[in-house]
Amino acid sequence: AAAISTHCLDITEPKTIRGLEAGYRWSLSDLPARRRRPPHR
């Protein structure tokens, strides 16, 4: 509960009945929307 409330953000896209439950999937709250490619050498 402390980890979820402090460090996580709910990003659930429900596809099943289980996925409809609150707090089923989580992600870090400071993640960017898209991952960047690493710079070339």
Full PDB file with SEQRES, HELIX, SHEET, SSBOND, CRYST1, ORIGX, SCALE, CONECT and MASTER records, all heavy atoms in Angstrom:
SEQRES   1 A   41  ALA ALA ALA ILE SER THR HIS CYS LEU ASP ILE THR GLU          
SEQRES   2 A   41  PRO LYS THR ILE ARG GLY LEU GLU ALA GLY TYR ARG TRP          
SEQRES   3 A   41  SER LEU SER ASP LEU PRO ALA ARG ARG ARG ARG PRO PRO          
SEQRES   4 A   41  HIS ARG                                                      
HELIX    1 AA1 ALA A    2  HIS A    7  1                                   6    
HELIX    2 AA2 ARG A   18  LEU A   20  5                                   3    
SHEET    1 AA1 2 CYS A   8  ASP A  10  0                                        
SHEET    2 AA1 2 TRP A  26  LEU A  28 -1                                        
CRYST1    1.000    1.000    1.000  90.00  90.00  90.00 P 1           1          
ORIGX1      1.000000  0.000000  0.000000        0.00000                         
ORIGX2      0.000000  1.000000  0.000000        0.00000                         
ORIGX3      0.000000  0.000000  1.000000        0.00000                         
SCALE1      1.000000  0.000000  0.000000        0.00000                         
SCALE2      0.000000  1.000000  0.000000        0.00000                         
SCALE3      0.000000  0.000000  1.000000        0.00000                         
ATOM      1  N   ALA A   1       0.830  -1.205   0.000  1.00  0.00           N  
ATOM      2  CA  ALA A   1       0.000   0.000   0.000  1.00  0.00           C  
ATOM      3  C   ALA A   1       0.867   1.259   0.000  1.00  0.00           C  
ATOM      4  O   ALA A   1       0.579   2.231  -0.710  1.00  0.00           O  
ATOM      5  CB  ALA A   1      -0.936  -0.010   1.202  1.00  0.00           C  
ATOM      6  N   ALA A   2       1.944   1.239   0.774  1.00  0.00           N  
ATOM      7  CA  ALA A   2       2.859   2.389   0.808  1.00  0.00           C  
ATOM      8  C   ALA A   2       3.562   2.557  -0.538  1.00  0.00           C  
ATOM      9  O   ALA A   2       3.734   3.681  -1.022  1.00  0.00           O  
ATOM     10  CB  ALA A   2       3.882   2.214   1.926  1.00  0.00           C  
ATOM     11  N   ALA A   3       3.963   1.456  -1.146  1.00  0.00           N  
ATOM     12  CA  ALA A   3       4.629   1.522  -2.450  1.00  0.00           C  
ATOM     13  C   ALA A   3       3.686   2.081  -3.508  1.00  0.00           C  
ATOM     14  O   ALA A   3       4.066   2.961  -4.287  1.00  0.00           O  
ATOM     15  CB  ALA A   3       5.117   0.130  -2.862  1.00  0.00           C  
ATOM     16  N   ILE A   4       2.463   1.604  -3.526  1.00  0.00           N  
ATOM     17  CA  ILE A   4       1.496   2.056  -4.523  1.00  0.00           C  
ATOM     18  C   ILE A   4       1.138   3.522  -4.325  1.00  0.00           C  
ATOM     19  O   ILE A   4       1.127   4.300  -5.278  1.00  0.00           O  
ATOM     20  CB  ILE A   4       0.237   1.164  -4.494  1.00  0.00           C  
ATOM     21  CG1 ILE A   4       0.567  -0.203  -5.086  1.00  0.00           C  
ATOM     22  CG2 ILE A   4      -0.923   1.817  -5.238  1.00  0.00           C  
ATOM     23  CD1 ILE A   4      -0.532  -1.223  -4.937  1.00  0.00           C  
ATOM     24  N   SER A   5       0.864   3.914  -3.100  1.00  0.00           N  
ATOM     25  CA  SER A   5       0.429   5.292  -2.857  1.00  0.00           C  
ATOM     26  C   SER A   5       1.549   6.307  -3.066  1.00  0.00           C  
ATOM     27  O   SER A   5       1.292   7.440  -3.461  1.00  0.00           O  
ATOM     28  CB  SER A   5      -0.147   5.431  -1.449  1.00  0.00           C  
ATOM     29  OG  SER A   5       0.864   5.225  -0.485  1.00  0.00           O  
ATOM     30  N   THR A   6       2.783   5.902  -2.848  1.00  0.00           N  
ATOM     31  CA  THR A   6       3.896   6.840  -2.928  1.00  0.00           C  
ATOM     32  C   THR A   6       4.600   6.827  -4.283  1.00  0.00           C  
ATOM     33  O   THR A   6       4.971   7.882  -4.794  1.00  0.00           O  
ATOM     34  CB  THR A   6       4.941   6.515  -1.837  1.00  0.00           C  
ATOM     35  OG1 THR A   6       4.285   6.453  -0.579  1.00  0.00           O  
ATOM     36  CG2 THR A   6       6.016   7.576  -1.787  1.00  0.00           C  
ATOM     37  N   HIS A   7       4.801   5.661  -4.870  1.00  0.00           N  
ATOM     38  CA  HIS A   7       5.694   5.542  -6.028  1.00  0.00           C  
ATOM     39  C   HIS A   7       5.038   5.072  -7.324  1.00  0.00           C  
ATOM     40  O   HIS A   7       5.725   4.975  -8.337  1.00  0.00           O  
ATOM     41  CB  HIS A   7       6.830   4.574  -5.702  1.00  0.00           C  
ATOM     42  CG  HIS A   7       7.561   4.920  -4.455  1.00  0.00           C  
ATOM     43  ND1 HIS A   7       8.340   6.035  -4.337  1.00  0.00           N  
ATOM     44  CD2 HIS A   7       7.605   4.300  -3.244  1.00  0.00           C  
ATOM     45  CE1 HIS A   7       8.835   6.088  -3.115  1.00  0.00           C  
ATOM     46  NE2 HIS A   7       8.415   5.055  -2.442  1.00  0.00           N  
ATOM     47  N   CYS A   8       3.748   4.740  -7.304  1.00  0.00           N  
ATOM     48  CA  CYS A   8       3.138   4.116  -8.474  1.00  0.00           C  
ATOM     49  C   CYS A   8       1.934   4.900  -8.991  1.00  0.00           C  
ATOM     50  O   CYS A   8       1.323   5.670  -8.276  1.00  0.00           O  
ATOM     51  CB  CYS A   8       2.702   2.696  -8.136  1.00  0.00           C  
ATOM     52  SG  CYS A   8       4.055   1.640  -7.604  1.00  0.00           S  
ATOM     53  N   LEU A   9       1.613   4.631 -10.250  1.00  0.00           N  
ATOM     54  CA  LEU A   9       0.487   5.250 -10.926  1.00  0.00           C  
ATOM     55  C   LEU A   9      -0.298   4.154 -11.628  1.00  0.00           C  
ATOM     56  O   LEU A   9       0.285   3.310 -12.319  1.00  0.00           O  
ATOM     57  CB  LEU A   9       1.003   6.263 -11.956  1.00  0.00           C  
ATOM     58  CG  LEU A   9      -0.011   6.922 -12.864  1.00  0.00           C  
ATOM     59  CD1 LEU A   9      -0.889   7.871 -12.057  1.00  0.00           C  
ATOM     60  CD2 LEU A   9       0.706   7.690 -13.950  1.00  0.00           C  
ATOM     61  N   ASP A  10      -1.630   4.170 -11.465  1.00  0.00           N  
ATOM     62  CA  ASP A  10      -2.474   3.159 -12.079  1.00  0.00           C  
ATOM     63  C   ASP A  10      -2.599   3.434 -13.573  1.00  0.00           C  
ATOM     64  O   ASP A  10      -3.022   4.508 -13.985  1.00  0.00           O  
ATOM     65  CB  ASP A  10      -3.853   3.180 -11.427  1.00  0.00           C  
ATOM     66  CG  ASP A  10      -4.744   2.053 -11.908  1.00  0.00           C  
ATOM     67  OD1 ASP A  10      -4.299   1.259 -12.755  1.00  0.00           O  
ATOM     68  OD2 ASP A  10      -5.876   1.965 -11.423  1.00  0.00           O  
ATOM     69  N   ILE A  11      -2.188   2.472 -14.392  1.00  0.00           N  
ATOM     70  CA  ILE A  11      -2.272   2.627 -15.853  1.00  0.00           C  
ATOM     71  C   ILE A  11      -3.123   1.522 -16.459  1.00  0.00           C  
ATOM     72  O   ILE A  11      -2.954   1.151 -17.606  1.00  0.00           O  
ATOM     73  CB  ILE A  11      -0.879   2.621 -16.500  1.00  0.00           C  
ATOM     74  CG1 ILE A  11      -0.173   1.300 -16.200  1.00  0.00           C  
ATOM     75  CG2 ILE A  11      -0.066   3.813 -16.064  1.00  0.00           C  
ATOM     76  CD1 ILE A  11       1.016   1.042 -17.084  1.00  0.00           C  
ATOM     77  N   THR A  12      -4.056   1.027 -15.690  1.00  0.00           N  
ATOM     78  CA  THR A  12      -4.850  -0.111 -16.102  1.00  0.00           C  
ATOM     79  C   THR A  12      -5.678   0.182 -17.339  1.00  0.00           C  
ATOM     80  O   THR A  12      -6.370   1.178 -17.417  1.00  0.00           O  
ATOM     81  CB  THR A  12      -5.784  -0.544 -14.951  1.00  0.00           C  
ATOM     82  OG1 THR A  12      -5.006  -0.813 -13.806  1.00  0.00           O  
ATOM     83  CG2 THR A  12      -6.580  -1.757 -15.335  1.00  0.00           C  
ATOM     84  N   GLU A  13      -5.589  -0.708 -18.291  1.00  0.00           N  
ATOM     85  CA  GLU A  13      -6.479  -0.726 -19.441  1.00  0.00           C  
ATOM     86  C   GLU A  13      -7.224  -2.047 -19.340  1.00  0.00           C  
ATOM     87  O   GLU A  13      -6.731  -3.082 -19.775  1.00  0.00           O  
ATOM     88  CB  GLU A  13      -5.689  -0.649 -20.739  1.00  0.00           C  
ATOM     89  CG  GLU A  13      -4.943   0.646 -20.911  1.00  0.00           C  
ATOM     90  CD  GLU A  13      -4.065   0.619 -22.150  1.00  0.00           C  
ATOM     91  OE1 GLU A  13      -4.206  -0.301 -22.976  1.00  0.00           O  
ATOM     92  OE2 GLU A  13      -3.230   1.521 -22.262  1.00  0.00           O  
ATOM     93  N   PRO A  14      -8.394  -2.039 -18.720  1.00  0.00           N  
ATOM     94  CA  PRO A  14      -9.072  -3.310 -18.430  1.00  0.00           C  
ATOM     95  C   PRO A  14      -9.442  -4.075 -19.689  1.00  0.00           C  
ATOM     96  O   PRO A  14     -10.016  -3.528 -20.618  1.00  0.00           O  
ATOM     97  CB  PRO A  14     -10.316  -2.884 -17.655  1.00  0.00           C  
ATOM     98  CG  PRO A  14     -10.479  -1.442 -17.887  1.00  0.00           C  
ATOM     99  CD  PRO A  14      -9.140  -0.894 -18.272  1.00  0.00           C  
ATOM    100  N   LYS A  15      -9.070  -5.353 -19.709  1.00  0.00           N  
ATOM    101  CA  LYS A  15      -9.405  -6.240 -20.816  1.00  0.00           C  
ATOM    102  C   LYS A  15     -10.130  -7.480 -20.302  1.00  0.00           C  
ATOM    103  O   LYS A  15     -10.681  -8.238 -21.083  1.00  0.00           O  
ATOM    104  CB  LYS A  15      -8.137  -6.654 -21.562  1.00  0.00           C  
ATOM    105  CG  LYS A  15      -7.450  -5.480 -22.228  1.00  0.00           C  
ATOM    106  CD  LYS A  15      -6.202  -5.919 -22.934  1.00  0.00           C  
ATOM    107  CE  LYS A  15      -5.524  -4.703 -23.546  1.00  0.00           C  
ATOM    108  NZ  LYS A  15      -4.231  -4.990 -24.100  1.00  0.00           N  
ATOM    109  N   THR A  16     -10.093  -7.686 -18.983  1.00  0.00           N  
ATOM    110  CA  THR A  16     -10.771  -8.817 -18.366  1.00  0.00           C  
ATOM    111  C   THR A  16     -11.547  -8.315 -17.158  1.00  0.00           C  
ATOM    112  O   THR A  16     -11.394  -7.164 -16.740  1.00  0.00           O  
ATOM    113  CB  THR A  16      -9.757  -9.879 -17.899  1.00  0.00           C  
ATOM    114  OG1 THR A  16      -8.935  -9.311 -16.871  1.00  0.00           O  
ATOM    115  CG2 THR A  16      -8.899 -10.387 -19.037  1.00  0.00           C  
ATOM    116  N   ILE A  17     -12.344  -9.182 -16.578  1.00  0.00           N  
ATOM    117  CA  ILE A  17     -13.085  -8.807 -15.373  1.00  0.00           C  
ATOM    118  C   ILE A  17     -12.109  -8.495 -14.246  1.00  0.00           C  
ATOM    119  O   ILE A  17     -12.284  -7.543 -13.499  1.00  0.00           O  
ATOM    120  CB  ILE A  17     -14.057  -9.929 -14.969  1.00  0.00           C  
ATOM    121  CG1 ILE A  17     -15.147 -10.063 -16.037  1.00  0.00           C  
ATOM    122  CG2 ILE A  17     -14.666  -9.667 -13.611  1.00  0.00           C  
ATOM    123  CD1 ILE A  17     -16.065 -11.245 -15.856  1.00  0.00           C  
ATOM    124  N   ARG A  18     -11.045  -9.277 -14.142  1.00  0.00           N  
ATOM    125  CA  ARG A  18     -10.025  -9.030 -13.102  1.00  0.00           C  
ATOM    126  C   ARG A  18      -9.385  -7.666 -13.306  1.00  0.00           C  
ATOM    127  O   ARG A  18      -9.090  -6.947 -12.371  1.00  0.00           O  
ATOM    128  CB  ARG A  18      -8.957 -10.128 -13.160  1.00  0.00           C  
ATOM    129  CG  ARG A  18      -7.797  -9.938 -12.220  1.00  0.00           C  
ATOM    130  CD  ARG A  18      -8.163 -10.376 -10.837  1.00  0.00           C  
ATOM    131  NE  ARG A  18      -6.954 -10.396 -10.024  1.00  0.00           N  
ATOM    132  CZ  ARG A  18      -6.902  -9.879  -8.821  1.00  0.00           C  
ATOM    133  NH1 ARG A  18      -7.945  -9.348  -8.277  1.00  0.00           N  
ATOM    134  NH2 ARG A  18      -5.785  -9.926  -8.140  1.00  0.00           N  
ATOM    135  N   GLY A  19      -9.171  -7.282 -14.551  1.00  0.00           N  
ATOM    136  CA  GLY A  19      -8.563  -5.999 -14.852  1.00  0.00           C  
ATOM    137  C   GLY A  19      -9.442  -4.812 -14.512  1.00  0.00           C  
ATOM    138  O   GLY A  19      -8.965  -3.691 -14.412  1.00  0.00           O  
ATOM    139  N   LEU A  20     -10.735  -5.044 -14.337  1.00  0.00           N  
ATOM    140  CA  LEU A  20     -11.649  -3.973 -13.960  1.00  0.00           C  
ATOM    141  C   LEU A  20     -11.500  -3.579 -12.489  1.00  0.00           C  
ATOM    142  O   LEU A  20     -11.949  -2.514 -12.083  1.00  0.00           O  
ATOM    143  CB  LEU A  20     -13.107  -4.377 -14.234  1.00  0.00           C  
ATOM    144  CG  LEU A  20     -13.472  -4.521 -15.709  1.00  0.00           C  
ATOM    145  CD1 LEU A  20     -14.868  -5.123 -15.844  1.00  0.00           C  
ATOM    146  CD2 LEU A  20     -13.408  -3.176 -16.410  1.00  0.00           C  
ATOM    147  N   GLU A  21     -10.897  -4.446 -11.680  1.00  0.00           N  
ATOM    148  CA  GLU A  21     -10.722  -4.154 -10.263  1.00  0.00           C  
ATOM    149  C   GLU A  21      -9.747  -2.998 -10.078  1.00  0.00           C  
ATOM    150  O   GLU A  21      -8.731  -2.901 -10.764  1.00  0.00           O  
ATOM    151  CB  GLU A  21     -10.199  -5.380  -9.524  1.00  0.00           C  
ATOM    152  CG  GLU A  21     -11.182  -6.518  -9.506  1.00  0.00           C  
ATOM    153  CD  GLU A  21     -10.640  -7.730  -8.785  1.00  0.00           C  
ATOM    154  OE1 GLU A  21      -9.617  -7.607  -8.072  1.00  0.00           O  
ATOM    155  OE2 GLU A  21     -11.235  -8.800  -8.933  1.00  0.00           O  
ATOM    156  N   ALA A  22     -10.071  -2.127  -9.152  1.00  0.00           N  
ATOM    157  CA  ALA A  22      -9.207  -0.969  -8.879  1.00  0.00           C  
ATOM    158  C   ALA A  22      -7.852  -1.447  -8.369  1.00  0.00           C  
ATOM    159  O   ALA A  22      -7.760  -2.354  -7.554  1.00  0.00           O  
ATOM    160  CB  ALA A  22      -9.861  -0.068  -7.841  1.00  0.00           C  
ATOM    161  N   GLY A  23      -6.810  -0.839  -8.874  1.00  0.00           N  
ATOM    162  CA  GLY A  23      -5.465  -1.133  -8.394  1.00  0.00           C  
ATOM    163  C   GLY A  23      -4.891  -2.440  -8.886  1.00  0.00           C  
ATOM    164  O   GLY A  23      -4.047  -3.023  -8.219  1.00  0.00           O  
ATOM    165  N   TYR A  24      -5.323  -2.910 -10.049  1.00  0.00           N  
ATOM    166  CA  TYR A  24      -4.805  -4.190 -10.520  1.00  0.00           C  
ATOM    167  C   TYR A  24      -3.440  -4.054 -11.180  1.00  0.00           C  
ATOM    168  O   TYR A  24      -2.557  -4.853 -10.951  1.00  0.00           O  
ATOM    169  CB  TYR A  24      -5.801  -4.820 -11.496  1.00  0.00           C  
ATOM    170  CG  TYR A  24      -5.372  -6.178 -11.984  1.00  0.00           C  
ATOM    171  CD1 TYR A  24      -5.274  -7.247 -11.115  1.00  0.00           C  
ATOM    172  CD2 TYR A  24      -5.053  -6.387 -13.312  1.00  0.00           C  
ATOM    173  CE1 TYR A  24      -4.874  -8.487 -11.555  1.00  0.00           C  
ATOM    174  CE2 TYR A  24      -4.659  -7.628 -13.766  1.00  0.00           C  
ATOM    175  CZ  TYR A  24      -4.574  -8.677 -12.880  1.00  0.00           C  
ATOM    176  OH  TYR A  24      -4.164  -9.903 -13.313  1.00  0.00           O  
ATOM    177  N   ARG A  25      -3.230  -3.038 -12.028  1.00  0.00           N  
ATOM    178  CA  ARG A  25      -1.941  -2.834 -12.686  1.00  0.00           C  
ATOM    179  C   ARG A  25      -1.378  -1.485 -12.281  1.00  0.00           C  
ATOM    180  O   ARG A  25      -2.086  -0.507 -12.176  1.00  0.00           O  
ATOM    181  CB  ARG A  25      -2.103  -2.864 -14.212  1.00  0.00           C  
ATOM    182  CG  ARG A  25      -2.242  -4.257 -14.750  1.00  0.00           C  
ATOM    183  CD  ARG A  25      -2.262  -4.277 -16.251  1.00  0.00           C  
ATOM    184  NE  ARG A  25      -1.092  -3.613 -16.797  1.00  0.00           N  
ATOM    185  CZ  ARG A  25      -1.081  -3.020 -17.975  1.00  0.00           C  
ATOM    186  NH1 ARG A  25      -2.137  -2.988 -18.720  1.00  0.00           N  
ATOM    187  NH2 ARG A  25       0.014  -2.442 -18.427  1.00  0.00           N  
ATOM    188  N   TRP A  26      -0.063  -1.438 -12.155  1.00  0.00           N  
ATOM    189  CA  TRP A  26       0.593  -0.211 -11.697  1.00  0.00           C  
ATOM    190  C   TRP A  26       1.855   0.040 -12.486  1.00  0.00           C  
ATOM    191  O   TRP A  26       2.430  -0.854 -13.085  1.00  0.00           O  
ATOM    192  CB  TRP A  26       0.937  -0.307 -10.210  1.00  0.00           C  
ATOM    193  CG  TRP A  26      -0.289  -0.476  -9.404  1.00  0.00           C  
ATOM    194  CD1 TRP A  26      -0.857  -1.654  -9.011  1.00  0.00           C  
ATOM    195  CD2 TRP A  26      -1.133   0.547  -8.922  1.00  0.00           C  
ATOM    196  NE1 TRP A  26      -1.992  -1.411  -8.324  1.00  0.00           N  
ATOM    197  CE2 TRP A  26      -2.190  -0.073  -8.241  1.00  0.00           C  
ATOM    198  CE3 TRP A  26      -1.107   1.942  -8.996  1.00  0.00           C  
ATOM    199  CZ2 TRP A  26      -3.203   0.647  -7.641  1.00  0.00           C  
ATOM    200  CZ3 TRP A  26      -2.123   2.647  -8.384  1.00  0.00           C  
ATOM    201  CH2 TRP A  26      -3.153   2.008  -7.725  1.00  0.00           C  
ATOM    202  N   SER A  27       2.320   1.268 -12.454  1.00  0.00           N  
ATOM    203  CA  SER A  27       3.566   1.658 -13.087  1.00  0.00           C  
ATOM    204  C   SER A  27       4.174   2.760 -12.234  1.00  0.00           C  
ATOM    205  O   SER A  27       3.493   3.394 -11.438  1.00  0.00           O  
ATOM    206  CB  SER A  27       3.306   2.181 -14.497  1.00  0.00           C  
ATOM    207  OG  SER A  27       4.506   2.631 -15.073  1.00  0.00           O  
ATOM    208  N   LEU A  28       5.458   3.011 -12.408  1.00  0.00           N  
ATOM    209  CA  LEU A  28       6.057   4.131 -11.696  1.00  0.00           C  
ATOM    210  C   LEU A  28       5.455   5.420 -12.196  1.00  0.00           C  
ATOM    211  O   LEU A  28       5.246   5.607 -13.396  1.00  0.00           O  
ATOM    212  CB  LEU A  28       7.575   4.155 -11.884  1.00  0.00           C  
ATOM    213  CG  LEU A  28       8.337   3.110 -11.092  1.00  0.00           C  
ATOM    214  CD1 LEU A  28       9.826   3.303 -11.293  1.00  0.00           C  
ATOM    215  CD2 LEU A  28       8.019   3.162  -9.624  1.00  0.00           C  
ATOM    216  N   SER A  29       5.168   6.352 -11.301  1.00  0.00           N  
ATOM    217  CA  SER A  29       4.444   7.562 -11.662  1.00  0.00           C  
ATOM    218  C   SER A  29       5.255   8.515 -12.531  1.00  0.00           C  
ATOM    219  O   SER A  29       4.700   9.341 -13.232  1.00  0.00           O  
ATOM    220  CB  SER A  29       3.986   8.287 -10.398  1.00  0.00           C  
ATOM    221  OG  SER A  29       5.095   8.575  -9.588  1.00  0.00           O  
ATOM    222  N   ASP A  30       6.566   8.404 -12.529  1.00  0.00           N  
ATOM    223  CA  ASP A  30       7.374   9.342 -13.292  1.00  0.00           C  
ATOM    224  C   ASP A  30       7.867   8.778 -14.629  1.00  0.00           C  
ATOM    225  O   ASP A  30       8.759   9.328 -15.246  1.00  0.00           O  
ATOM    226  CB  ASP A  30       8.568   9.823 -12.464  1.00  0.00           C  
ATOM    227  CG  ASP A  30       9.480   8.684 -12.033  1.00  0.00           C  
ATOM    228  OD1 ASP A  30       9.106   7.517 -12.221  1.00  0.00           O  
ATOM    229  OD2 ASP A  30      10.547   8.982 -11.499  1.00  0.00           O  
ATOM    230  N   LEU A  31       7.258   7.702 -15.107  1.00  0.00           N  
ATOM    231  CA  LEU A  31       7.666   7.147 -16.390  1.00  0.00           C  
ATOM    232  C   LEU A  31       7.212   8.048 -17.529  1.00  0.00           C  
ATOM    233  O   LEU A  31       6.095   8.549 -17.517  1.00  0.00           O  
ATOM    234  CB  LEU A  31       7.039   5.767 -16.604  1.00  0.00           C  
ATOM    235  CG  LEU A  31       7.707   4.605 -15.929  1.00  0.00           C  
ATOM    236  CD1 LEU A  31       6.937   3.330 -16.239  1.00  0.00           C  
ATOM    237  CD2 LEU A  31       9.139   4.450 -16.363  1.00  0.00           C  
ATOM    238  N   PRO A  32       8.055   8.261 -18.516  1.00  0.00           N  
ATOM    239  CA  PRO A  32       7.602   9.027 -19.686  1.00  0.00           C  
ATOM    240  C   PRO A  32       6.601   8.203 -20.490  1.00  0.00           C  
ATOM    241  O   PRO A  32       6.542   6.986 -20.377  1.00  0.00           O  
ATOM    242  CB  PRO A  32       8.888   9.257 -20.482  1.00  0.00           C  
ATOM    243  CG  PRO A  32       9.804   8.163 -20.046  1.00  0.00           C  
ATOM    244  CD  PRO A  32       9.443   7.846 -18.609  1.00  0.00           C  
ATOM    245  N   ALA A  33       5.825   8.882 -21.307  1.00  0.00           N  
ATOM    246  CA  ALA A  33       4.809   8.200 -22.100  1.00  0.00           C  
ATOM    247  C   ALA A  33       5.448   7.206 -23.072  1.00  0.00           C  
ATOM    248  O   ALA A  33       4.946   6.128 -23.287  1.00  0.00           O  
ATOM    249  CB  ALA A  33       3.972   9.212 -22.854  1.00  0.00           C  
ATOM    250  N   ARG A  34       6.561   7.570 -23.702  1.00  0.00           N  
ATOM    251  CA  ARG A  34       7.291   6.692 -24.616  1.00  0.00           C  
ATOM    252  C   ARG A  34       8.737   6.587 -24.191  1.00  0.00           C  
ATOM    253  O   ARG A  34       9.322   7.546 -23.697  1.00  0.00           O  
ATOM    254  CB  ARG A  34       7.257   7.247 -26.035  1.00  0.00           C  
ATOM    255  CG  ARG A  34       5.962   6.981 -26.722  1.00  0.00           C  
ATOM    256  CD  ARG A  34       5.952   7.509 -28.125  1.00  0.00           C  
ATOM    257  NE  ARG A  34       7.220   7.308 -28.813  1.00  0.00           N  
ATOM    258  CZ  ARG A  34       7.488   7.798 -30.008  1.00  0.00           C  
ATOM    259  NH1 ARG A  34       6.607   8.523 -30.631  1.00  0.00           N  
ATOM    260  NH2 ARG A  34       8.659   7.588 -30.578  1.00  0.00           N  
ATOM    261  N   ARG A  35       9.320   5.444 -24.421  1.00  0.00           N  
ATOM    262  CA  ARG A  35      10.738   5.286 -24.117  1.00  0.00           C  
ATOM    263  C   ARG A  35      11.553   5.897 -25.243  1.00  0.00           C  
ATOM    264  O   ARG A  35      11.229   5.752 -26.412  1.00  0.00           O  
ATOM    265  CB  ARG A  35      11.080   3.810 -23.962  1.00  0.00           C  
ATOM    266  CG  ARG A  35      10.394   3.226 -22.746  1.00  0.00           C  
ATOM    267  CD  ARG A  35      10.681   1.777 -22.636  1.00  0.00           C  
ATOM    268  NE  ARG A  35      12.094   1.573 -22.375  1.00  0.00           N  
ATOM    269  CZ  ARG A  35      12.614   0.440 -21.997  1.00  0.00           C  
ATOM    270  NH1 ARG A  35      11.868  -0.600 -21.840  1.00  0.00           N  
ATOM    271  NH2 ARG A  35      13.918   0.329 -21.790  1.00  0.00           N  
ATOM    272  N   ARG A  36      12.608   6.580 -24.893  1.00  0.00           N  
ATOM    273  CA  ARG A  36      13.479   7.187 -25.898  1.00  0.00           C  
ATOM    274  C   ARG A  36      14.508   6.178 -26.383  1.00  0.00           C  
ATOM    275  O   ARG A  36      14.927   5.306 -25.655  1.00  0.00           O  
ATOM    276  CB  ARG A  36      14.212   8.382 -25.298  1.00  0.00           C  
ATOM    277  CG  ARG A  36      13.311   9.503 -24.921  1.00  0.00           C  
ATOM    278  CD  ARG A  36      14.163  10.647 -24.463  1.00  0.00           C  
ATOM    279  NE  ARG A  36      13.343  11.592 -23.734  1.00  0.00           N  
ATOM    280  CZ  ARG A  36      13.820  12.658 -23.160  1.00  0.00           C  
ATOM    281  NH1 ARG A  36      15.103  12.911 -23.189  1.00  0.00           N  
ATOM    282  NH2 ARG A  36      13.026  13.477 -22.527  1.00  0.00           N  
ATOM    283  N   ARG A  37      14.935   6.372 -27.624  1.00  0.00           N  
ATOM    284  CA  ARG A  37      16.002   5.539 -28.156  1.00  0.00           C  
ATOM    285  C   ARG A  37      17.328   6.005 -27.582  1.00  0.00           C  
ATOM    286  O   ARG A  37      17.537   7.203 -27.379  1.00  0.00           O  
ATOM    287  CB  ARG A  37      16.068   5.660 -29.664  1.00  0.00           C  
ATOM    288  CG  ARG A  37      14.872   5.082 -30.359  1.00  0.00           C  
ATOM    289  CD  ARG A  37      15.040   5.322 -31.811  1.00  0.00           C  
ATOM    290  NE  ARG A  37      14.955   4.055 -32.493  1.00  0.00           N  
ATOM    291  CZ  ARG A  37      15.001   3.931 -33.791  1.00  0.00           C  
ATOM    292  NH1 ARG A  37      15.149   4.992 -34.554  1.00  0.00           N  
ATOM    293  NH2 ARG A  37      14.893   2.761 -34.349  1.00  0.00           N  
ATOM    294  N   PRO A  38      18.247   5.090 -27.344  1.00  0.00           N  
ATOM    295  CA  PRO A  38      19.560   5.511 -26.854  1.00  0.00           C  
ATOM    296  C   PRO A  38      20.307   6.283 -27.942  1.00  0.00           C  
ATOM    297  O   PRO A  38      20.132   6.011 -29.127  1.00  0.00           O  
ATOM    298  CB  PRO A  38      20.273   4.197 -26.532  1.00  0.00           C  
ATOM    299  CG  PRO A  38      19.525   3.147 -27.251  1.00  0.00           C  
ATOM    300  CD  PRO A  38      18.129   3.647 -27.466  1.00  0.00           C  
ATOM    301  N   PRO A  39      21.119   7.260 -27.558  1.00  0.00           N  
ATOM    302  CA  PRO A  39      21.858   8.023 -28.571  1.00  0.00           C  
ATOM    303  C   PRO A  39      22.875   7.146 -29.290  1.00  0.00           C  
ATOM    304  O   PRO A  39      23.391   6.186 -28.741  1.00  0.00           O  
ATOM    305  CB  PRO A  39      22.560   9.115 -27.773  1.00  0.00           C  
ATOM    306  CG  PRO A  39      22.510   8.692 -26.366  1.00  0.00           C  
ATOM    307  CD  PRO A  39      21.393   7.716 -26.214  1.00  0.00           C  
ATOM    308  N   HIS A  40      23.156   7.499 -30.525  1.00  0.00           N  
ATOM    309  CA  HIS A  40      24.141   6.790 -31.331  1.00  0.00           C  
ATOM    310  C   HIS A  40      25.529   7.126 -30.799  1.00  0.00           C  
ATOM    311  O   HIS A  40      25.734   8.101 -30.087  1.00  0.00           O  
ATOM    312  CB  HIS A  40      24.003   7.198 -32.804  1.00  0.00           C  
ATOM    313  CG  HIS A  40      24.724   6.275 -33.718  1.00  0.00           C  
ATOM    314  ND1 HIS A  40      25.982   6.526 -34.147  1.00  0.00           N  
ATOM    315  CD2 HIS A  40      24.355   5.086 -34.264  1.00  0.00           C  
ATOM    316  CE1 HIS A  40      26.382   5.543 -34.941  1.00  0.00           C  
ATOM    317  NE2 HIS A  40      25.407   4.660 -35.029  1.00  0.00           N  
ATOM    318  N   ARG A  41      26.505   6.337 -31.133  1.00  0.00           N  
ATOM    319  CA  ARG A  41      27.876   6.551 -30.636  1.00  0.00           C  
ATOM    320  C   ARG A  41      28.422   7.933 -30.968  1.00  0.00           C  
ATOM    321  O   ARG A  41      29.203   8.486 -30.220  1.00  0.00           O  
ATOM    322  CB  ARG A  41      28.812   5.514 -31.206  1.00  0.00           C  
ATOM    323  CG  ARG A  41      28.642   4.172 -30.580  1.00  0.00           C  
ATOM    324  CD  ARG A  41      29.699   3.245 -31.084  1.00  0.00           C  
ATOM    325  NE  ARG A  41      29.051   1.964 -31.349  1.00  0.00           N  
ATOM    326  CZ  ARG A  41      29.506   1.050 -32.148  1.00  0.00           C  
ATOM    327  NH1 ARG A  41      30.617   1.260 -32.810  1.00  0.00           N  
ATOM    328  NH2 ARG A  41      28.888  -0.066 -32.310  1.00  0.00           N  
TER     329      ARG A  41                                                      
MASTER        0    0    0    2    2    0    0    6  328    1    0    4          
END                                                                             
